[in-house]
Amino acid sequence: MIYAMSGKKKIPIGLGNTFAKCPMCGVLHPVDLPDLIMQTDGDLENVQVYCERCTQKRALAQAGAHRGKGVQTHG
């Protein structure tokens, strides 16, 4: 078992009790710890995990930013 320490209190780290704070809206949301470790090569200190809603907002914003690029028109 792996633990996080808060003062003298040990908190077990497991699949069901690992959360991240969304850097965009601040909501606390669950994360898939094994997946996160694989995606970050184990570097969890500098990772930012967006909540599902903000992930969708960011995807829409990026799609809008790329709209029209690479489009050819014939005149």
Protein backbone atom coordinates (compact mmCIF):
# COMPACT_ATOMS: atom_id res chain seq x y z
CA MET A 1 0.00 0.00 0.00
CA ILE A 2 1.19 3.50 -0.83
CA TYR A 3 0.34 6.43 1.46
CA ALA A 4 0.30 10.20 1.33
CA MET A 5 1.14 12.00 4.57
CA SER A 6 -0.83 14.91 5.97
CA GLY A 7 0.90 15.96 9.14
CA LYS A 8 1.15 12.69 11.07
CA LYS A 9 -1.88 11.17 9.37
CA LYS A 10 -1.33 8.45 6.74
CA ILE A 11 -3.78 8.51 3.83
CA PRO A 12 -3.78 5.39 1.63
CA ILE A 13 -3.57 6.13 -2.07
CA GLY A 14 -5.76 3.93 -4.21
CA LEU A 15 -7.82 3.80 -7.38
CA GLY A 16 -10.94 5.23 -5.78
CA ASN A 17 -9.48 8.07 -3.72
CA THR A 18 -7.22 9.95 -6.11
CA PHE A 19 -8.42 13.37 -7.21
CA ALA A 20 -7.14 16.42 -9.07
CA LYS A 21 -8.20 20.05 -9.00
CA CYS A 22 -9.10 21.38 -12.46
CA PRO A 23 -6.76 24.30 -13.23
CA MET A 24 -9.50 26.04 -15.21
CA CYS A 25 -12.60 25.90 -12.96
CA GLY A 26 -11.21 24.56 -9.68
CA VAL A 27 -13.55 21.57 -9.39
CA LEU A 28 -12.14 18.53 -7.62
CA HIS A 29 -12.58 15.45 -9.82
CA PRO A 30 -11.46 11.81 -9.74
CA VAL A 31 -8.49 10.73 -11.83
CA ASP A 32 -7.38 7.34 -13.12
CA LEU A 33 -4.06 7.10 -11.27
CA PRO A 34 -2.48 4.25 -13.33
CA ASP A 35 -3.38 6.04 -16.58
CA LEU A 36 -2.04 9.35 -15.27
CA ILE A 37 1.25 7.74 -14.22
CA MET A 38 1.66 6.19 -17.67
CA GLN A 39 0.86 9.44 -19.50
CA THR A 40 3.29 11.49 -17.39
CA ASP A 41 6.08 8.91 -17.03
CA GLY A 42 5.46 9.11 -13.29
CA ASP A 43 6.02 12.88 -12.99
CA LEU A 44 2.91 13.87 -11.05
CA GLU A 45 4.26 17.10 -9.57
CA ASN A 46 3.78 19.30 -12.63
CA VAL A 47 0.70 17.67 -14.13
CA GLN A 48 -2.55 19.54 -14.70
CA VAL A 49 -5.71 17.46 -15.13
CA TYR A 50 -8.74 19.29 -16.50
CA CYS A 51 -12.24 18.14 -15.56
CA GLU A 52 -14.43 16.66 -18.28
CA ARG A 53 -16.39 19.88 -18.83
CA CYS A 54 -13.28 22.05 -19.19
CA THR A 55 -11.64 19.43 -21.42
CA GLN A 56 -14.62 19.74 -23.77
CA LYS A 57 -14.48 23.56 -23.63
CA ARG A 58 -10.77 23.51 -24.48
CA ALA A 59 -11.35 21.10 -27.38
CA LEU A 60 -14.09 23.34 -28.79
CA ALA A 61 -11.89 26.42 -28.42
CA GLN A 62 -9.00 24.68 -30.20
CA ALA A 63 -11.32 23.50 -32.98
CA GLY A 64 -12.55 27.08 -33.39
CA ALA A 65 -8.99 28.39 -33.51
CA HIS A 66 -8.16 25.97 -36.32
CA ARG A 67 -11.37 26.59 -38.26
CA GLY A 68 -10.67 27.66 -41.81
CA LYS A 69 -7.02 26.64 -41.81
CA GLY A 70 -6.05 24.41 -44.66
CA VAL A 71 -9.25 25.11 -46.55
CA GLN A 72 -8.81 25.67 -50.25
CA THR A 73 -11.22 27.77 -52.27
CA HIS A 74 -11.60 27.86 -55.99
CA GLY A 75 -12.37 31.20 -57.53
